[in-house]
C-alpha atoms as a PDB file:
ATOM      1  CA  MET A   1     -61.095 -16.046 -19.144  1.00  0.00           C
ATOM      2  CA  SER A   2     -58.383 -18.592 -19.946  1.00  0.00           C
ATOM      3  CA  LYS A   3     -58.080 -19.763 -23.555  1.00  0.00           C
ATOM      4  CA  ILE A   4     -56.769 -22.991 -25.105  1.00  0.00           C
ATOM      5  CA  LEU A   5     -55.161 -22.882 -28.545  1.00  0.00           C
ATOM      6  CA  VAL A   6     -54.905 -25.997 -30.723  1.00  0.00           C
ATOM      7  CA  THR A   7     -52.267 -25.950 -33.450  1.00  0.00           C
ATOM      8  CA  GLY A   8     -52.755 -27.984 -36.602  1.00  0.00           C
ATOM      9  CA  ALA A   9     -56.456 -27.474 -35.970  1.00  0.00           C
ATOM     10  CA  THR A  10     -57.541 -28.198 -39.545  1.00  0.00           C
ATOM     11  CA  GLY A  11     -55.752 -31.553 -39.659  1.00  0.00           C
ATOM     12  CA  LEU A  12     -57.455 -34.905 -39.100  1.00  0.00           C
ATOM     13  CA  LEU A  13     -56.504 -35.032 -35.409  1.00  0.00           C
ATOM     14  CA  GLY A  14     -56.840 -31.316 -34.719  1.00  0.00           C
ATOM     15  CA  ILE A  15     -60.425 -31.172 -35.980  1.00  0.00           C
ATOM     16  CA  LYS A  16     -61.446 -33.996 -33.646  1.00  0.00           C
ATOM     17  CA  ILE A  17     -59.715 -32.344 -30.683  1.00  0.00           C
ATOM     18  CA  ILE A  18     -61.641 -29.129 -31.343  1.00  0.00           C
ATOM     19  CA  ASP A  19     -64.916 -31.071 -31.474  1.00  0.00           C
ATOM     20  CA  HIS A  20     -64.201 -32.821 -28.160  1.00  0.00           C
ATOM     21  CA  LEU A  21     -63.183 -29.535 -26.525  1.00  0.00           C
ATOM     22  CA  LEU A  22     -66.515 -28.056 -27.608  1.00  0.00           C
ATOM     23  CA  LYS A  23     -68.253 -30.764 -25.577  1.00  0.00           C
ATOM     24  CA  ARG A  24     -66.355 -29.683 -22.470  1.00  0.00           C
ATOM     25  CA  ILE A  25     -65.888 -25.900 -22.581  1.00  0.00           C
ATOM     26  CA  PRO A  26     -67.512 -22.898 -24.330  1.00  0.00           C
ATOM     27  CA  ALA A  27     -66.409 -22.115 -27.880  1.00  0.00           C
ATOM     28  CA  ASN A  28     -65.104 -18.685 -26.824  1.00  0.00           C
ATOM     29  CA  GLN A  29     -62.433 -20.400 -24.722  1.00  0.00           C
ATOM     30  CA  ILE A  30     -61.014 -22.264 -27.736  1.00  0.00           C
ATOM     31  CA  VAL A  31     -58.709 -20.893 -30.430  1.00  0.00           C
ATOM     32  CA  ALA A  32     -57.740 -22.858 -33.540  1.00  0.00           C
ATOM     33  CA  LEU A  33     -54.430 -22.237 -35.297  1.00  0.00           C
ATOM     34  CA  ALA A  34     -54.336 -22.865 -39.044  1.00  0.00           C
ATOM     35  CA  ARG A  35     -51.864 -22.180 -41.817  1.00  0.00           C
ATOM     36  CA  ASP A  36     -54.696 -21.493 -44.277  1.00  0.00           C
ATOM     37  CA  ALA A  37     -57.635 -19.290 -43.284  1.00  0.00           C
ATOM     38  CA  GLU A  38     -59.961 -20.942 -45.805  1.00  0.00           C
ATOM     39  CA  LYS A  39     -59.414 -24.358 -44.246  1.00  0.00           C
ATOM     40  CA  GLY A  40     -60.508 -22.929 -40.909  1.00  0.00           C
ATOM     41  CA  ILE A  41     -63.931 -21.755 -42.122  1.00  0.00           C
ATOM     42  CA  ASN A  42     -65.736 -24.884 -40.896  1.00  0.00           C
ATOM     43  CA  ILE A  43     -64.175 -24.425 -37.464  1.00  0.00           C
ATOM     44  CA  SER A  44     -65.098 -20.738 -37.236  1.00  0.00           C
ATOM     45  CA  GLU A  45     -68.698 -21.647 -38.075  1.00  0.00           C
ATOM     46  CA  LYS A  46     -68.749 -23.553 -34.759  1.00  0.00           C
ATOM     47  CA  GLY A  47     -68.009 -20.326 -32.897  1.00  0.00           C
ATOM     48  CA  VAL A  48     -64.290 -21.033 -32.472  1.00  0.00           C
ATOM     49  CA  GLU A  49     -61.837 -18.234 -33.228  1.00  0.00           C
ATOM     50  CA  VAL A  50     -59.369 -19.151 -35.968  1.00  0.00           C
ATOM     51  CA  ARG A  51     -55.946 -17.523 -36.062  1.00  0.00           C
ATOM     52  CA  VAL A  52     -53.540 -17.941 -38.976  1.00  0.00           C
ATOM     53  CA  ALA A  53     -49.830 -18.674 -38.594  1.00  0.00           C
ATOM     54  CA  ASP A  54     -47.151 -20.956 -39.931  1.00  0.00           C
ATOM     55  CA  TYR A  55     -44.575 -22.616 -37.655  1.00  0.00           C
ATOM     56  CA  PHE A  56     -41.832 -20.986 -39.725  1.00  0.00           C
ATOM     57  CA  ASN A  57     -43.250 -17.466 -39.183  1.00  0.00           C
ATOM     58  CA  TYR A  58     -42.150 -16.481 -35.684  1.00  0.00           C
ATOM     59  CA  ASP A  59     -43.867 -13.077 -35.672  1.00  0.00           C
ATOM     60  CA  ALA A  60     -47.169 -14.602 -36.785  1.00  0.00           C
ATOM     61  CA  LEU A  61     -46.886 -17.173 -33.995  1.00  0.00           C
ATOM     62  CA  LEU A  62     -46.321 -14.397 -31.442  1.00  0.00           C
ATOM     63  CA  GLN A  63     -49.540 -12.728 -32.537  1.00  0.00           C
ATOM     64  CA  ALA A  64     -51.448 -16.008 -32.622  1.00  0.00           C
ATOM     65  CA  PHE A  65     -50.420 -16.899 -29.063  1.00  0.00           C
ATOM     66  CA  GLU A  66     -51.442 -13.533 -27.594  1.00  0.00           C
ATOM     67  CA  GLY A  67     -53.878 -13.989 -24.709  1.00  0.00           C
ATOM     68  CA  ILE A  68     -53.507 -17.781 -24.705  1.00  0.00           C
ATOM     69  CA  GLU A  69     -52.919 -19.704 -21.470  1.00  0.00           C
ATOM     70  CA  LYS A  70     -52.509 -23.240 -22.812  1.00  0.00           C
ATOM     71  CA  VAL A  71     -51.294 -24.514 -26.204  1.00  0.00           C
ATOM     72  CA  LEU A  72     -51.706 -27.978 -27.665  1.00  0.00           C
ATOM     73  CA  LEU A  73     -48.725 -28.341 -29.992  1.00  0.00           C
ATOM     74  CA  ILE A  74     -49.393 -30.949 -32.672  1.00  0.00           C
ATOM     75  CA  GLY A  75     -46.112 -31.881 -34.314  1.00  0.00           C
ATOM     76  CA  SER A  76     -45.382 -30.808 -37.857  1.00  0.00           C
ATOM     77  CA  HIS A  77     -45.251 -33.248 -40.770  1.00  0.00           C
ATOM     78  CA  SER A  78     -42.345 -35.624 -41.288  1.00  0.00           C
ATOM     79  CA  PHE A  79     -39.812 -34.749 -43.983  1.00  0.00           C
ATOM     80  CA  THR A  80     -39.933 -31.080 -43.017  1.00  0.00           C
ATOM     81  CA  ASP A  81     -37.707 -29.065 -40.660  1.00  0.00           C
ATOM     82  CA  ARG A  82     -39.500 -30.068 -37.470  1.00  0.00           C
ATOM     83  CA  PHE A  83     -36.580 -28.765 -35.350  1.00  0.00           C
ATOM     84  CA  THR A  84     -37.033 -25.150 -36.466  1.00  0.00           C
ATOM     85  CA  GLN A  85     -40.831 -25.312 -36.495  1.00  0.00           C
ATOM     86  CA  HIS A  86     -41.211 -26.714 -32.992  1.00  0.00           C
ATOM     87  CA  TYR A  87     -38.501 -24.441 -31.584  1.00  0.00           C
ATOM     88  CA  ASN A  88     -40.304 -21.421 -33.027  1.00  0.00           C
ATOM     89  CA  ALA A  89     -43.641 -22.531 -31.575  1.00  0.00           C
ATOM     90  CA  ILE A  90     -42.248 -23.176 -28.088  1.00  0.00           C
ATOM     91  CA  THR A  91     -40.174 -20.017 -27.836  1.00  0.00           C
ATOM     92  CA  ALA A  92     -42.907 -17.816 -29.336  1.00  0.00           C
ATOM     93  CA  ALA A  93     -45.385 -19.265 -26.863  1.00  0.00           C
ATOM     94  CA  ARG A  94     -43.075 -18.451 -23.974  1.00  0.00           C
ATOM     95  CA  GLN A  95     -42.487 -14.893 -25.239  1.00  0.00           C
ATOM     96  CA  ALA A  96     -46.237 -14.370 -25.725  1.00  0.00           C
ATOM     97  CA  GLY A  97     -46.975 -15.342 -22.126  1.00  0.00           C
ATOM     98  CA  VAL A  98     -48.392 -18.836 -22.630  1.00  0.00           C
ATOM     99  CA  LYS A  99     -48.242 -20.805 -19.360  1.00  0.00           C
ATOM    100  CA  HIS A 100     -48.604 -24.441 -20.432  1.00  0.00           C
ATOM    101  CA  ILE A 101     -47.787 -26.433 -23.588  1.00  0.00           C
ATOM    102  CA  VAL A 102     -49.160 -29.909 -24.247  1.00  0.00           C
ATOM    103  CA  TYR A 103     -46.995 -31.572 -26.894  1.00  0.00           C
ATOM    104  CA  ASN A 104     -47.936 -34.495 -29.129  1.00  0.00           C
ATOM    105  CA  SER A 105     -44.975 -36.836 -29.572  1.00  0.00           C
ATOM    106  CA  ILE A 106     -44.551 -40.286 -31.106  1.00  0.00           C
ATOM    107  CA  MET A 107     -44.267 -43.116 -28.583  1.00  0.00           C
ATOM    108  CA  ARG A 108     -40.802 -44.619 -28.244  1.00  0.00           C
ATOM    109  CA  LYS A 109     -39.093 -47.172 -26.024  1.00  0.00           C
ATOM    110  CA  ASP A 110     -35.547 -48.128 -26.941  1.00  0.00           C
ATOM    111  CA  ARG A 111     -35.171 -47.115 -30.573  1.00  0.00           C
ATOM    112  CA  ILE A 112     -35.000 -43.874 -32.540  1.00  0.00           C
ATOM    113  CA  PHE A 113     -37.398 -43.651 -35.473  1.00  0.00           C
ATOM    114  CA  PRO A 114     -35.683 -41.917 -38.425  1.00  0.00           C
ATOM    115  CA  ASP A 115     -37.070 -38.457 -39.281  1.00  0.00           C
ATOM    116  CA  ILE A 116     -39.383 -38.447 -36.240  1.00  0.00           C
ATOM    117  CA  SER A 117     -37.840 -39.399 -32.895  1.00  0.00           C
ATOM    118  CA  ASP A 118     -34.810 -37.118 -33.117  1.00  0.00           C
ATOM    119  CA  SER A 119     -36.983 -34.031 -33.589  1.00  0.00           C
ATOM    120  CA  ASP A 120     -39.407 -35.230 -30.904  1.00  0.00           C
ATOM    121  CA  ILE A 121     -36.550 -35.608 -28.421  1.00  0.00           C
ATOM    122  CA  PHE A 122     -35.262 -32.124 -29.332  1.00  0.00           C
ATOM    123  CA  SER A 123     -38.755 -30.639 -28.941  1.00  0.00           C
ATOM    124  CA  GLU A 124     -39.319 -32.307 -25.577  1.00  0.00           C
ATOM    125  CA  GLN A 125     -35.924 -31.111 -24.312  1.00  0.00           C
ATOM    126  CA  THR A 126     -36.610 -27.584 -25.583  1.00  0.00           C
ATOM    127  CA  LEU A 127     -39.988 -27.566 -23.872  1.00  0.00           C
ATOM    128  CA  LYS A 128     -38.611 -28.808 -20.554  1.00  0.00           C
ATOM    129  CA  ALA A 129     -35.817 -26.206 -20.662  1.00  0.00           C
ATOM    130  CA  SER A 130     -38.222 -23.377 -21.532  1.00  0.00           C
ATOM    131  CA  GLY A 131     -39.540 -22.903 -18.002  1.00  0.00           C
ATOM    132  CA  LEU A 132     -43.093 -23.438 -19.227  1.00  0.00           C
ATOM    133  CA  THR A 133     -45.395 -25.958 -17.639  1.00  0.00           C
ATOM    134  CA  TYR A 134     -45.524 -28.951 -19.976  1.00  0.00           C
ATOM    135  CA  THR A 135     -47.405 -32.162 -20.629  1.00  0.00           C
ATOM    136  CA  ILE A 136     -45.897 -34.611 -23.122  1.00  0.00           C
ATOM    137  CA  LEU A 137     -48.221 -37.093 -24.812  1.00  0.00           C
ATOM    138  CA  HIS A 138     -46.640 -40.116 -26.498  1.00  0.00           C
ATOM    139  CA  GLN A 139     -48.982 -41.629 -29.060  1.00  0.00           C
ATOM    140  CA  PRO A 140     -48.826 -45.039 -30.792  1.00  0.00           C
ATOM    141  CA  PRO A 141     -49.729 -45.603 -34.468  1.00  0.00           C
ATOM    142  CA  PHE A 142     -53.224 -44.549 -35.487  1.00  0.00           C
ATOM    143  CA  THR A 143     -55.651 -47.404 -36.125  1.00  0.00           C
ATOM    144  CA  GLU A 144     -56.873 -45.603 -39.257  1.00  0.00           C
ATOM    145  CA  VAL A 145     -53.511 -45.692 -41.055  1.00  0.00           C
ATOM    146  CA  LEU A 146     -52.403 -49.274 -40.411  1.00  0.00           C
ATOM    147  CA  HIS A 147     -53.710 -50.341 -43.816  1.00  0.00           C
ATOM    148  CA  PHE A 148     -50.986 -48.167 -45.367  1.00  0.00           C
ATOM    149  CA  TYR A 149     -48.432 -50.625 -43.977  1.00  0.00           C
ATOM    150  CA  TYR A 150     -50.158 -53.929 -44.694  1.00  0.00           C
ATOM    151  CA  GLY A 151     -51.531 -52.859 -48.089  1.00  0.00           C
ATOM    152  CA  PHE A 152     -54.766 -51.578 -49.602  1.00  0.00           C
ATOM    153  CA  THR A 153     -55.888 -54.922 -51.115  1.00  0.00           C
ATOM    154  CA  PRO A 154     -55.410 -57.603 -48.437  1.00  0.00           C
ATOM    155  CA  TYR A 155     -58.094 -59.882 -49.901  1.00  0.00           C
ATOM    156  CA  ASP A 156     -56.293 -59.950 -53.234  1.00  0.00           C
ATOM    157  CA  LYS A 157     -52.662 -60.033 -52.126  1.00  0.00           C
ATOM    158  CA  GLY A 158     -52.749 -61.020 -48.459  1.00  0.00           C
ATOM    159  CA  PHE A 159     -50.291 -59.582 -45.954  1.00  0.00           C
ATOM    160  CA  ARG A 160     -46.661 -59.538 -47.131  1.00  0.00           C
ATOM    161  CA  LEU A 161     -44.626 -57.897 -44.380  1.00  0.00           C
ATOM    162  CA  SER A 162     -41.085 -57.911 -43.080  1.00  0.00           C
ATOM    163  CA  LYS A 163     -39.707 -58.390 -39.580  1.00  0.00           C
ATOM    164  CA  GLY A 164     -41.872 -60.887 -37.723  1.00  0.00           C
ATOM    165  CA  LYS A 165     -45.165 -60.567 -35.834  1.00  0.00           C
ATOM    166  CA  GLY A 166     -44.780 -58.267 -32.813  1.00  0.00           C
ATOM    167  CA  LYS A 167     -47.668 -56.579 -30.991  1.00  0.00           C
ATOM    168  CA  MET A 168     -48.722 -52.932 -30.957  1.00  0.00           C
ATOM    169  CA  SER A 169     -51.403 -50.965 -29.089  1.00  0.00           C
ATOM    170  CA  PRO A 170     -52.867 -48.576 -31.671  1.00  0.00           C
ATOM    171  CA  VAL A 171     -55.492 -45.923 -31.004  1.00  0.00           C
ATOM    172  CA  THR A 172     -58.069 -44.196 -33.205  1.00  0.00           C
ATOM    173  CA  ARG A 173     -57.772 -40.475 -33.769  1.00  0.00           C
ATOM    174  CA  ASN A 174     -61.141 -39.992 -32.102  1.00  0.00           C
ATOM    175  CA  ASP A 175     -60.105 -41.785 -28.900  1.00  0.00           C
ATOM    176  CA  LEU A 176     -56.803 -39.920 -28.778  1.00  0.00           C
ATOM    177  CA  ALA A 177     -58.544 -36.591 -29.426  1.00  0.00           C
ATOM    178  CA  GLU A 178     -61.029 -37.181 -26.618  1.00  0.00           C
ATOM    179  CA  ALA A 179     -58.236 -38.100 -24.193  1.00  0.00           C
ATOM    180  CA  GLU A 180     -56.312 -34.967 -25.137  1.00  0.00           C
ATOM    181  CA  ALA A 181     -59.402 -32.801 -24.672  1.00  0.00           C
ATOM    182  CA  VAL A 182     -59.730 -34.203 -21.145  1.00  0.00           C
ATOM    183  CA  ILE A 183     -56.084 -33.394 -20.414  1.00  0.00           C
ATOM    184  CA  LEU A 184     -56.471 -29.868 -21.778  1.00  0.00           C
ATOM    185  CA  THR A 185     -59.513 -29.130 -19.614  1.00  0.00           C
ATOM    186  CA  THR A 186     -58.560 -30.764 -16.308  1.00  0.00           C
ATOM    187  CA  SER A 187     -55.790 -30.233 -13.771  1.00  0.00           C
ATOM    188  CA  GLY A 188     -53.169 -32.632 -12.467  1.00  0.00           C
ATOM    189  CA  HIS A 189     -51.251 -33.090 -15.711  1.00  0.00           C
ATOM    190  CA  GLU A 190     -48.607 -30.449 -15.112  1.00  0.00           C
ATOM    191  CA  ASN A 191     -45.006 -31.482 -15.948  1.00  0.00           C
ATOM    192  CA  LYS A 192     -46.003 -35.063 -16.712  1.00  0.00           C
ATOM    193  CA  SER A 193     -45.459 -37.426 -19.634  1.00  0.00           C
ATOM    194  CA  TYR A 194     -48.043 -39.996 -20.699  1.00  0.00           C
ATOM    195  CA  ASP A 195     -48.091 -42.938 -23.100  1.00  0.00           C
ATOM    196  CA  LEU A 196     -51.576 -42.886 -24.621  1.00  0.00           C
ATOM    197  CA  THR A 197     -51.578 -46.435 -25.949  1.00  0.00           C
ATOM    198  CA  GLY A 198     -54.787 -48.230 -26.842  1.00  0.00           C
ATOM    199  CA  SER A 199     -56.539 -50.965 -24.860  1.00  0.00           C
ATOM    200  CA  GLU A 200     -55.796 -53.746 -27.334  1.00  0.00           C
ATOM    201  CA  ALA A 201     -52.404 -55.339 -28.048  1.00  0.00           C
ATOM    202  CA  ILE A 202     -52.574 -56.631 -31.602  1.00  0.00           C
ATOM    203  CA  SER A 203     -50.258 -57.782 -34.387  1.00  0.00           C
ATOM    204  CA  PHE A 204     -50.520 -57.521 -38.156  1.00  0.00           C
ATOM    205  CA  ALA A 205     -51.182 -61.268 -38.152  1.00  0.00           C
ATOM    206  CA  ASP A 206     -54.131 -60.651 -35.808  1.00  0.00           C
ATOM    207  CA  ILE A 207     -55.482 -58.002 -38.191  1.00  0.00           C
ATOM    208  CA  ALA A 208     -55.247 -60.435 -41.094  1.00  0.00           C
ATOM    209  CA  LYS A 209     -57.308 -62.928 -39.092  1.00  0.00           C
ATOM    210  CA  ILE A 210     -59.942 -60.277 -38.281  1.00  0.00           C
ATOM    211  CA  LEU A 211     -60.256 -59.350 -41.960  1.00  0.00           C
ATOM    212  CA  GLU A 212     -60.550 -63.035 -42.804  1.00  0.00           C
ATOM    213  CA  ASP A 213     -63.335 -63.494 -40.248  1.00  0.00           C
ATOM    214  CA  LEU A 214     -65.261 -60.404 -41.343  1.00  0.00           C
ATOM    215  CA  LYS A 215     -65.473 -61.414 -44.977  1.00  0.00           C
ATOM    216  CA  GLY A 216     -65.113 -65.184 -44.729  1.00  0.00           C
ATOM    217  CA  GLN A 217     -62.280 -65.021 -47.226  1.00  0.00           C
ATOM    218  CA  PRO A 218     -58.666 -66.127 -46.637  1.00  0.00           C
ATOM    219  CA  VAL A 219     -56.067 -63.442 -45.997  1.00  0.00           C
ATOM    220  CA  PRO A 220     -52.658 -65.157 -46.212  1.00  0.00           C
ATOM    221  CA  TYR A 221     -49.778 -63.829 -44.131  1.00  0.00           C
ATOM    222  CA  GLU A 222     -46.222 -64.058 -45.436  1.00  0.00           C
ATOM    223  CA  VAL A 223     -43.001 -62.764 -43.878  1.00  0.00           C
ATOM    224  CA  ILE A 224     -40.728 -61.406 -46.600  1.00  0.00           C
ATOM    225  CA  ALA A 225     -37.249 -59.871 -46.715  1.00  0.00           C
ATOM    226  CA  ASP A 226     -36.791 -56.199 -45.899  1.00  0.00           C
ATOM    227  CA  LYS A 227     -35.733 -55.296 -49.446  1.00  0.00           C
ATOM    228  CA  ALA A 228     -38.603 -57.295 -50.909  1.00  0.00           C
ATOM    229  CA  TYR A 229     -41.080 -55.260 -48.845  1.00  0.00           C
ATOM    230  CA  LYS A 230     -39.593 -51.950 -49.959  1.00  0.00           C
ATOM    231  CA  ASP A 231     -39.466 -53.057 -53.606  1.00  0.00           C
ATOM    232  CA  MET A 232     -43.089 -54.217 -53.387  1.00  0.00           C
ATOM    233  CA  ARG A 233     -44.240 -50.845 -52.095  1.00  0.00           C
ATOM    234  CA  ILE A 234     -42.264 -48.960 -54.754  1.00  0.00           C
ATOM    235  CA  ALA A 235     -43.849 -51.194 -57.408  1.00  0.00           C
ATOM    236  CA  GLU A 236     -47.246 -50.092 -56.018  1.00  0.00           C
ATOM    237  CA  GLY A 237     -46.351 -46.507 -56.899  1.00  0.00           C
ATOM    238  CA  ILE A 238     -45.084 -45.284 -53.520  1.00  0.00           C
ATOM    239  CA  PRO A 239     -41.975 -43.041 -53.776  1.00  0.00           C
ATOM    240  CA  PRO A 240     -38.790 -44.732 -52.500  1.00  0.00           C
ATOM    241  CA  PHE A 241     -38.500 -42.433 -49.467  1.00  0.00           C
ATOM    242  CA  MET A 242     -42.085 -43.278 -48.461  1.00  0.00           C
ATOM    243  CA  ALA A 243     -41.439 -46.992 -49.000  1.00  0.00           C
ATOM    244  CA  GLU A 244     -38.512 -46.674 -46.577  1.00  0.00           C
ATOM    245  CA  PHE A 245     -40.771 -44.780 -44.161  1.00  0.00           C
ATOM    246  CA  ALA A 246     -43.440 -47.494 -44.347  1.00  0.00           C
ATOM    247  CA  PHE A 247     -40.807 -50.168 -43.812  1.00  0.00           C
ATOM    248  CA  ASN A 248     -39.561 -48.400 -40.678  1.00  0.00           C
ATOM    249  CA  TRP A 249     -43.075 -48.320 -39.238  1.00  0.00           C
ATOM    250  CA  VAL A 250     -43.504 -52.053 -39.914  1.00  0.00           C
ATOM    251  CA  ASP A 251     -40.099 -52.755 -38.402  1.00  0.00           C
ATOM    252  CA  PHE A 252     -40.859 -50.769 -35.242  1.00  0.00           C
ATOM    253  CA  ILE A 253     -44.365 -52.202 -34.889  1.00  0.00           C
ATOM    254  CA  ASN A 254     -43.191 -55.770 -35.316  1.00  0.00           C
ATOM    255  CA  SER A 255     -40.386 -55.259 -32.804  1.00  0.00           C
ATOM    256  CA  GLY A 256     -42.939 -54.343 -30.108  1.00  0.00           C
ATOM    257  CA  GLU A 257     -41.903 -50.687 -29.922  1.00  0.00           C
ATOM    258  CA  TYR A 258     -45.558 -49.566 -29.756  1.00  0.00           C
ATOM    259  CA  ASP A 259     -46.955 -52.169 -27.373  1.00  0.00           C
ATOM    260  CA  GLY A 260     -47.931 -50.399 -24.174  1.00  0.00           C
ATOM    261  CA  SER A 261     -50.165 -50.261 -21.143  1.00  0.00           C
ATOM    262  CA  PRO A 262     -53.663 -48.772 -21.580  1.00  0.00           C
ATOM    263  CA  GLU A 263     -54.328 -47.600 -18.018  1.00  0.00           C
ATOM    264  CA  VAL A 264     -53.700 -43.902 -18.715  1.00  0.00           C
ATOM    265  CA  ILE A 265     -56.000 -43.496 -21.694  1.00  0.00           C
ATOM    266  CA  GLU A 266     -58.694 -45.710 -20.173  1.00  0.00           C
ATOM    267  CA  ASP A 267     -58.629 -43.601 -17.009  1.00  0.00           C
ATOM    268  CA  LEU A 268     -58.940 -40.408 -19.075  1.00  0.00           C
ATOM    269  CA  LEU A 269     -61.793 -41.774 -21.194  1.00  0.00           C
ATOM    270  CA  GLY A 270     -63.530 -43.788 -18.494  1.00  0.00           C
ATOM    271  CA  ARG A 271     -63.721 -46.695 -20.946  1.00  0.00           C
ATOM    272  CA  LYS A 272     -61.648 -48.886 -23.220  1.00  0.00           C
ATOM    273  CA  THR A 273     -60.517 -47.632 -26.609  1.00  0.00           C
ATOM    274  CA  MET A 274     -62.002 -48.884 -29.882  1.00  0.00           C
ATOM    275  CA  THR A 275     -60.690 -52.277 -30.972  1.00  0.00           C
ATOM    276  CA  MET A 276     -59.371 -53.038 -34.427  1.00  0.00           C
ATOM    277  CA  ARG A 277     -62.304 -55.367 -35.085  1.00  0.00           C
ATOM    278  CA  ALA A 278     -64.818 -52.676 -34.145  1.00  0.00           C
ATOM    279  CA  TYR A 279     -63.030 -50.172 -36.368  1.00  0.00           C
ATOM    280  CA  LEU A 280     -62.999 -52.525 -39.355  1.00  0.00           C
ATOM    281  CA  GLU A 281     -66.630 -53.487 -38.776  1.00  0.00           C
ATOM    282  CA  ASN A 282     -67.551 -49.807 -38.982  1.00  0.00           C
ATOM    283  CA  THR A 283     -65.382 -49.072 -41.987  1.00  0.00           C
ATOM    284  CA  GLN A 284     -67.503 -49.113 -45.102  1.00  0.00           C
ATOM    285  CA  GLU A 285     -64.797 -50.290 -47.473  1.00  0.00           C
ATOM    286  CA  LEU A 286     -62.632 -53.054 -46.012  1.00  0.00           C
ATOM    287  CA  GLU A 287     -60.374 -53.136 -49.045  1.00  0.00           C
ATOM    288  CA  LYS A 288     -59.212 -49.571 -48.446  1.00  0.00           C
ATOM    289  CA  PRO A 289     -60.131 -48.038 -45.088  1.00  0.00           C
ATOM    290  CA  GLN A 290     -60.103 -44.245 -45.093  1.00  0.00           C
ATOM    291  CA  ILE A 291     -57.057 -42.535 -43.646  1.00  0.00           C
END
């Protein structure tokens, strides 16, 4: 019996991937990898085996990957040593006899996102050189986190963003998780790379208009200087390094770096992805959508 292991299984995306896999294959064919056994209790209650390992612990990874045919490798957090962590996961998987790794990467076109793209490129190159079968999934920004960039109180302060009004094609975690579950449980994805961009091309200005329509209250949009945006976020209590991180996301989004074609994800799902309007309509608190 072949088994699929999902790393980062207790995270917001990993949990949804597990749930979608359970709709497609028996629980005894799924293994969840967690750094903390206690956080995996809810998953184990669904009949899914939970194994414990940290990306930095090579020996623990070897044990966790034993008897696994396919691994979904969810990238580690930013601002950590993603190079070492991903290298350990890929090489331990190969040594343990894993056949196929599906790797979650951030979508990119022409630019390198600081603290993310360089480690993604390294991980993709390491995976391709490993001799393992691979599938590389490039994801756009998550719909659920866009409010972090435009601000938690748009009805009070409006949108004050830098760098113009480019389009992006975001996707909800649930839609991405379902698409990845399809890839993990079907054939034909060997040694391929996919951009899993959402069905809707939308700008921050478009989101402001949607919020305005939903509540019947003006949401002004103002383009401000780069430094003014960073200073504004720091004044909100965000650490300077996170303010720089948020600025980079806004810069890349507004430059069109995450505007893509939806054919791949729509083919996998058999439908269009959730729109921003539908997401906001189903979000209980418009002032501060949940991450």
